[in-house]
């Protein structure tokens, strides 16, 4: 019985530690508003002003974070082998973001309802 109780405490502690590192959705929305991302990607992140601009609402948070980080690397002029994205507009915005900002805005966008779906 002592073993089970210890196991429960360890799992509970791990869960609360993972929650402490969780993204702040309100801060993510604040980043979106501060950088005026809606001017290109649409107010709800589903209707961009240009069809070539991606839909962001409902996208996987890890993918969005990876993309923003790649824009940051591209802005630094790193070689393509460093997994970069080169776009002057996005690079200008991405370079203003901290790692925490990226985590928060990616989580917030991921939480939005969007037309992205897995079709089977």
N, C-alpha and C. Protein backbone atom coordinates (compact mmCIF):
# COMPACT_ATOMS: atom_id res chain seq x y z
N UNK A 1 0.82 -1.19 0.00
CA UNK A 1 0.00 0.00 0.00
C UNK A 1 0.87 1.26 0.00
N UNK A 2 1.97 1.19 0.76
CA UNK A 2 2.88 2.33 0.83
C UNK A 2 3.45 2.63 -0.56
N UNK A 3 3.75 1.59 -1.35
CA UNK A 3 4.29 1.73 -2.70
C UNK A 3 3.30 2.47 -3.60
N UNK A 4 2.02 2.12 -3.51
CA UNK A 4 0.99 2.76 -4.33
C UNK A 4 0.85 4.23 -3.95
N UNK A 5 0.85 4.53 -2.67
CA UNK A 5 0.72 5.92 -2.22
C UNK A 5 1.91 6.75 -2.71
N UNK A 6 3.10 6.18 -2.64
CA UNK A 6 4.29 6.89 -3.12
C UNK A 6 4.19 7.13 -4.62
N UNK A 7 3.74 6.13 -5.35
CA UNK A 7 3.57 6.26 -6.80
C UNK A 7 2.58 7.35 -7.16
N UNK A 8 1.50 7.44 -6.43
CA UNK A 8 0.49 8.47 -6.68
C UNK A 8 1.08 9.86 -6.43
N UNK A 9 1.85 10.00 -5.35
CA UNK A 9 2.47 11.29 -5.05
C UNK A 9 3.47 11.70 -6.12
N UNK A 10 4.24 10.75 -6.62
CA UNK A 10 5.23 11.05 -7.67
C UNK A 10 4.51 11.49 -8.94
N UNK A 11 3.47 10.78 -9.31
CA UNK A 11 2.71 11.15 -10.51
C UNK A 11 2.05 12.51 -10.34
N UNK A 12 1.47 12.77 -9.20
CA UNK A 12 0.83 14.07 -8.94
C UNK A 12 1.85 15.19 -9.00
N UNK A 13 3.04 14.94 -8.45
CA UNK A 13 4.10 15.96 -8.50
C UNK A 13 4.56 16.22 -9.91
N UNK A 14 4.69 15.18 -10.71
CA UNK A 14 5.10 15.35 -12.11
C UNK A 14 4.04 16.12 -12.88
N UNK A 15 2.78 15.83 -12.62
CA UNK A 15 1.69 16.53 -13.30
C UNK A 15 1.69 18.00 -12.96
N UNK A 16 1.85 18.35 -11.68
CA UNK A 16 1.83 19.76 -11.29
C UNK A 16 3.06 20.47 -11.83
N UNK A 17 4.20 19.79 -11.93
CA UNK A 17 5.41 20.41 -12.50
C UNK A 17 5.21 20.68 -13.98
N UNK A 18 4.54 19.76 -14.70
CA UNK A 18 4.31 19.99 -16.12
C UNK A 18 3.32 21.12 -16.33
N UNK A 19 2.38 21.28 -15.41
CA UNK A 19 1.42 22.37 -15.51
C UNK A 19 2.09 23.72 -15.26
N UNK A 20 3.11 23.75 -14.43
CA UNK A 20 3.82 25.00 -14.14
C UNK A 20 4.50 25.52 -15.39
N UNK A 21 4.95 24.62 -16.26
CA UNK A 21 5.61 25.02 -17.49
C UNK A 21 4.63 25.21 -18.64
N UNK A 22 3.34 25.09 -18.37
CA UNK A 22 2.34 25.21 -19.42
C UNK A 22 2.27 26.63 -19.94
N UNK A 23 1.83 26.72 -21.19
CA UNK A 23 1.73 28.02 -21.84
C UNK A 23 0.61 28.85 -21.23
N UNK A 24 0.76 30.14 -21.32
CA UNK A 24 -0.23 31.10 -20.84
C UNK A 24 -1.02 31.59 -22.06
N UNK A 25 -2.25 31.11 -22.19
CA UNK A 25 -3.06 31.44 -23.37
C UNK A 25 -3.38 32.93 -23.45
N UNK A 26 -3.63 33.55 -22.31
CA UNK A 26 -3.92 34.99 -22.32
C UNK A 26 -2.70 35.78 -22.79
N UNK A 27 -1.52 35.34 -22.38
CA UNK A 27 -0.29 36.00 -22.84
C UNK A 27 -0.09 35.76 -24.34
N UNK A 28 -0.49 34.59 -24.81
CA UNK A 28 -0.40 34.30 -26.24
C UNK A 28 -1.30 35.21 -27.05
N UNK A 29 -2.51 35.43 -26.57
CA UNK A 29 -3.44 36.36 -27.24
C UNK A 29 -2.86 37.77 -27.22
N UNK A 30 -2.22 38.14 -26.12
CA UNK A 30 -1.62 39.48 -26.01
C UNK A 30 -0.50 39.65 -27.03
N UNK A 31 0.30 38.61 -27.26
CA UNK A 31 1.35 38.68 -28.28
C UNK A 31 0.72 38.87 -29.65
N UNK A 32 -0.33 38.10 -29.94
CA UNK A 32 -1.06 38.20 -31.21
C UNK A 32 -1.54 39.63 -31.44
N UNK A 33 -2.13 40.21 -30.41
CA UNK A 33 -2.66 41.57 -30.52
C UNK A 33 -1.54 42.61 -30.63
N UNK A 34 -0.50 42.45 -29.83
CA UNK A 34 0.60 43.41 -29.82
C UNK A 34 1.27 43.51 -31.18
N UNK A 35 1.49 42.37 -31.83
CA UNK A 35 2.17 42.37 -33.13
C UNK A 35 1.21 42.55 -34.30
N UNK A 36 -0.08 42.69 -34.00
CA UNK A 36 -1.11 42.90 -35.03
C UNK A 36 -1.09 41.80 -36.10
N UNK A 37 -0.97 40.57 -35.65
CA UNK A 37 -0.94 39.43 -36.56
C UNK A 37 -2.22 39.30 -37.37
N UNK A 38 -3.32 39.78 -36.80
CA UNK A 38 -4.62 39.69 -37.48
C UNK A 38 -4.64 40.49 -38.77
N UNK A 39 -3.78 41.48 -38.92
CA UNK A 39 -3.79 42.28 -40.13
C UNK A 39 -3.45 41.44 -41.37
N UNK A 40 -2.73 40.37 -41.20
CA UNK A 40 -2.42 39.47 -42.33
C UNK A 40 -3.15 38.13 -42.23
N UNK A 41 -3.24 37.58 -41.00
CA UNK A 41 -3.78 36.24 -40.82
C UNK A 41 -5.27 36.22 -40.48
N UNK A 42 -5.90 37.39 -40.35
CA UNK A 42 -7.32 37.46 -40.04
C UNK A 42 -7.58 37.49 -38.55
N UNK A 43 -8.67 38.13 -38.17
CA UNK A 43 -9.00 38.31 -36.76
C UNK A 43 -9.11 36.99 -36.01
N UNK A 44 -9.63 35.97 -36.68
CA UNK A 44 -9.80 34.67 -36.02
C UNK A 44 -8.73 33.66 -36.45
N UNK A 45 -7.72 34.13 -37.18
CA UNK A 45 -6.59 33.32 -37.66
C UNK A 45 -7.02 32.22 -38.62
N UNK A 46 -8.21 32.38 -39.24
CA UNK A 46 -8.67 31.40 -40.22
C UNK A 46 -8.85 31.99 -41.62
N UNK A 47 -8.85 33.30 -41.72
CA UNK A 47 -9.08 33.94 -43.02
C UNK A 47 -7.99 34.98 -43.28
N UNK A 48 -6.92 34.54 -43.92
CA UNK A 48 -5.81 35.43 -44.22
C UNK A 48 -6.17 36.38 -45.35
N UNK A 49 -5.45 37.50 -45.42
CA UNK A 49 -5.73 38.47 -46.48
C UNK A 49 -5.22 37.99 -47.83
N UNK A 50 -4.35 37.00 -47.84
CA UNK A 50 -3.79 36.44 -49.06
C UNK A 50 -3.90 34.92 -48.95
N UNK A 51 -4.38 34.26 -49.99
CA UNK A 51 -4.53 32.80 -49.90
C UNK A 51 -3.22 32.04 -49.66
N UNK A 52 -2.10 32.68 -49.95
CA UNK A 52 -0.82 32.00 -49.72
C UNK A 52 -0.37 32.07 -48.26
N UNK A 53 -1.04 32.89 -47.45
CA UNK A 53 -0.71 32.98 -46.04
C UNK A 53 -1.40 31.83 -45.31
N UNK A 54 -0.72 31.20 -44.38
CA UNK A 54 -1.29 30.01 -43.74
C UNK A 54 -2.42 30.32 -42.76
N UNK A 55 -3.30 29.34 -42.63
CA UNK A 55 -4.31 29.34 -41.58
C UNK A 55 -3.59 28.90 -40.31
N UNK A 56 -3.75 29.67 -39.25
CA UNK A 56 -3.03 29.37 -38.01
C UNK A 56 -3.92 28.76 -36.93
N UNK A 57 -5.20 29.10 -36.94
CA UNK A 57 -6.11 28.59 -35.91
C UNK A 57 -6.22 27.07 -35.98
N UNK A 58 -6.02 26.44 -34.85
CA UNK A 58 -6.15 24.99 -34.77
C UNK A 58 -4.91 24.23 -35.20
N UNK A 59 -3.87 24.94 -35.62
CA UNK A 59 -2.63 24.28 -36.03
C UNK A 59 -1.93 23.72 -34.78
N UNK A 60 -1.12 22.72 -34.97
CA UNK A 60 -0.39 22.13 -33.84
C UNK A 60 0.57 23.16 -33.24
N UNK A 61 0.55 23.29 -31.93
CA UNK A 61 1.39 24.27 -31.25
C UNK A 61 2.87 24.04 -31.50
N UNK A 62 3.29 22.77 -31.50
CA UNK A 62 4.72 22.51 -31.71
C UNK A 62 5.16 22.90 -33.12
N UNK A 63 4.28 22.73 -34.10
CA UNK A 63 4.60 23.14 -35.47
C UNK A 63 4.73 24.66 -35.56
N UNK A 64 3.79 25.38 -34.94
CA UNK A 64 3.85 26.85 -34.96
C UNK A 64 5.10 27.36 -34.27
N UNK A 65 5.44 26.77 -33.14
CA UNK A 65 6.65 27.19 -32.41
C UNK A 65 7.90 26.92 -33.26
N UNK A 66 7.91 25.78 -33.92
CA UNK A 66 9.04 25.44 -34.78
C UNK A 66 9.16 26.46 -35.92
N UNK A 67 8.04 26.81 -36.53
CA UNK A 67 8.05 27.76 -37.65
C UNK A 67 8.55 29.13 -37.20
N UNK A 68 8.06 29.62 -36.07
CA UNK A 68 8.50 30.92 -35.58
C UNK A 68 9.99 30.93 -35.25
N UNK A 69 10.47 29.85 -34.68
CA UNK A 69 11.89 29.73 -34.38
C UNK A 69 12.71 29.69 -35.67
N UNK A 70 12.20 29.02 -36.68
CA UNK A 70 12.90 28.97 -37.98
C UNK A 70 12.95 30.34 -38.63
N UNK A 71 11.91 31.16 -38.46
CA UNK A 71 11.96 32.54 -38.96
C UNK A 71 13.02 33.35 -38.22
N UNK A 72 13.15 33.11 -36.93
CA UNK A 72 14.20 33.79 -36.16
C UNK A 72 15.59 33.41 -36.68
N UNK A 73 15.80 32.11 -36.93
CA UNK A 73 17.09 31.65 -37.45
C UNK A 73 17.35 32.23 -38.84
N UNK A 74 16.32 32.32 -39.67
CA UNK A 74 16.47 32.90 -41.00
C UNK A 74 16.86 34.36 -40.94
N UNK A 75 16.30 35.09 -39.97
CA UNK A 75 16.62 36.51 -39.81
C UNK A 75 18.08 36.71 -39.41
N UNK A 76 18.67 35.70 -38.77
CA UNK A 76 20.07 35.80 -38.36
C UNK A 76 21.02 35.45 -39.50
N UNK A 77 20.46 35.05 -40.64
CA UNK A 77 21.29 34.72 -41.79
C UNK A 77 21.95 33.36 -41.70
N UNK A 78 21.42 32.49 -40.87
CA UNK A 78 21.99 31.15 -40.74
C UNK A 78 21.73 30.36 -42.03
N UNK A 79 22.57 29.39 -42.33
CA UNK A 79 22.39 28.61 -43.56
C UNK A 79 21.12 27.75 -43.50
N UNK A 80 20.63 27.38 -44.67
CA UNK A 80 19.41 26.57 -44.75
C UNK A 80 19.54 25.27 -43.97
N UNK A 81 20.76 24.77 -43.84
CA UNK A 81 20.98 23.53 -43.09
C UNK A 81 20.65 23.70 -41.60
N UNK A 82 20.50 24.95 -41.15
CA UNK A 82 20.14 25.22 -39.75
C UNK A 82 18.63 25.26 -39.58
N UNK A 83 17.90 24.76 -40.58
CA UNK A 83 16.44 24.71 -40.55
C UNK A 83 15.87 26.13 -40.39
N UNK A 84 16.04 26.91 -41.42
CA UNK A 84 15.61 28.30 -41.40
C UNK A 84 14.41 28.50 -42.30
N UNK A 85 13.72 29.59 -42.07
CA UNK A 85 12.68 30.08 -42.97
C UNK A 85 13.04 31.52 -43.28
N UNK A 86 13.00 31.86 -44.55
CA UNK A 86 13.36 33.21 -44.97
C UNK A 86 12.14 33.93 -45.51
N UNK A 87 11.66 34.87 -44.74
CA UNK A 87 10.56 35.73 -45.13
C UNK A 87 10.75 37.02 -44.34
N UNK A 88 10.99 38.11 -45.06
CA UNK A 88 11.33 39.37 -44.39
C UNK A 88 10.24 39.83 -43.43
N UNK A 89 8.99 39.67 -43.81
CA UNK A 89 7.89 40.14 -42.94
C UNK A 89 7.82 39.30 -41.67
N UNK A 90 7.78 37.98 -41.83
CA UNK A 90 7.68 37.12 -40.65
C UNK A 90 8.93 37.19 -39.79
N UNK A 91 10.08 37.33 -40.41
CA UNK A 91 11.32 37.44 -39.64
C UNK A 91 11.30 38.68 -38.76
N UNK A 92 10.79 39.79 -39.29
CA UNK A 92 10.72 41.03 -38.51
C UNK A 92 9.85 40.86 -37.27
N UNK A 93 8.78 40.10 -37.39
CA UNK A 93 7.91 39.87 -36.25
C UNK A 93 8.52 38.83 -35.31
N UNK A 94 9.02 37.74 -35.86
CA UNK A 94 9.54 36.64 -35.04
C UNK A 94 10.73 37.05 -34.19
N UNK A 95 11.56 37.95 -34.71
CA UNK A 95 12.74 38.36 -33.94
C UNK A 95 12.37 39.14 -32.68
N UNK A 96 11.16 39.63 -32.59
CA UNK A 96 10.70 40.36 -31.41
C UNK A 96 10.24 39.42 -30.29
N UNK A 97 10.11 38.13 -30.59
CA UNK A 97 9.53 37.18 -29.66
C UNK A 97 10.58 36.47 -28.81
N UNK A 98 10.25 36.31 -27.53
CA UNK A 98 11.06 35.47 -26.66
C UNK A 98 10.60 34.02 -26.82
N UNK A 99 11.35 33.08 -26.27
CA UNK A 99 10.93 31.68 -26.30
C UNK A 99 9.57 31.51 -25.62
N UNK A 100 9.37 32.23 -24.54
CA UNK A 100 8.10 32.16 -23.82
C UNK A 100 6.96 32.73 -24.68
N UNK A 101 7.21 33.84 -25.38
CA UNK A 101 6.21 34.40 -26.29
C UNK A 101 5.81 33.38 -27.34
N UNK A 102 6.82 32.72 -27.90
CA UNK A 102 6.55 31.71 -28.94
C UNK A 102 5.71 30.58 -28.39
N UNK A 103 6.05 30.10 -27.20
CA UNK A 103 5.28 29.03 -26.58
C UNK A 103 3.83 29.48 -26.34
N UNK A 104 3.66 30.69 -25.84
CA UNK A 104 2.33 31.18 -25.50
C UNK A 104 1.46 31.42 -26.74
N UNK A 105 2.00 32.11 -27.74
CA UNK A 105 1.18 32.41 -28.92
C UNK A 105 0.89 31.13 -29.70
N UNK A 106 1.83 30.20 -29.73
CA UNK A 106 1.60 28.92 -30.41
C UNK A 106 0.49 28.13 -29.72
N UNK A 107 0.51 28.10 -28.41
CA UNK A 107 -0.54 27.40 -27.65
C UNK A 107 -1.89 28.07 -27.85
N UNK A 108 -1.91 29.41 -27.84
CA UNK A 108 -3.17 30.12 -28.01
C UNK A 108 -3.75 29.84 -29.39
N UNK A 109 -2.94 29.93 -30.44
CA UNK A 109 -3.43 29.65 -31.80
C UNK A 109 -3.91 28.21 -31.91
N UNK A 110 -3.20 27.30 -31.30
CA UNK A 110 -3.58 25.89 -31.34
C UNK A 110 -4.92 25.65 -30.65
N UNK A 111 -5.24 26.47 -29.67
CA UNK A 111 -6.49 26.29 -28.91
C UNK A 111 -7.71 26.81 -29.67
N UNK A 112 -7.49 27.59 -30.72
CA UNK A 112 -8.61 28.17 -31.46
C UNK A 112 -9.26 27.14 -32.38
N UNK A 113 -10.57 27.25 -32.55
CA UNK A 113 -11.22 26.37 -33.52
C UNK A 113 -10.79 26.79 -34.92
N UNK A 114 -10.50 25.82 -35.74
CA UNK A 114 -10.08 26.13 -37.10
C UNK A 114 -10.51 25.05 -38.07
N UNK A 115 -10.33 25.31 -39.34
CA UNK A 115 -10.76 24.35 -40.36
C UNK A 115 -9.78 23.20 -40.57
N UNK A 116 -8.68 23.19 -39.84
CA UNK A 116 -7.70 22.12 -40.01
C UNK A 116 -8.23 20.84 -39.42
N UNK A 117 -8.10 19.77 -40.14
CA UNK A 117 -8.62 18.49 -39.66
C UNK A 117 -7.84 17.35 -40.31
N UNK A 118 -7.85 16.22 -39.66
CA UNK A 118 -7.25 15.03 -40.23
C UNK A 118 -8.37 14.27 -40.93
N UNK A 119 -8.19 14.02 -42.19
CA UNK A 119 -9.20 13.30 -42.96
C UNK A 119 -8.77 11.84 -43.08
N UNK A 120 -9.71 10.94 -42.88
CA UNK A 120 -9.40 9.51 -42.98
C UNK A 120 -10.14 8.89 -44.12
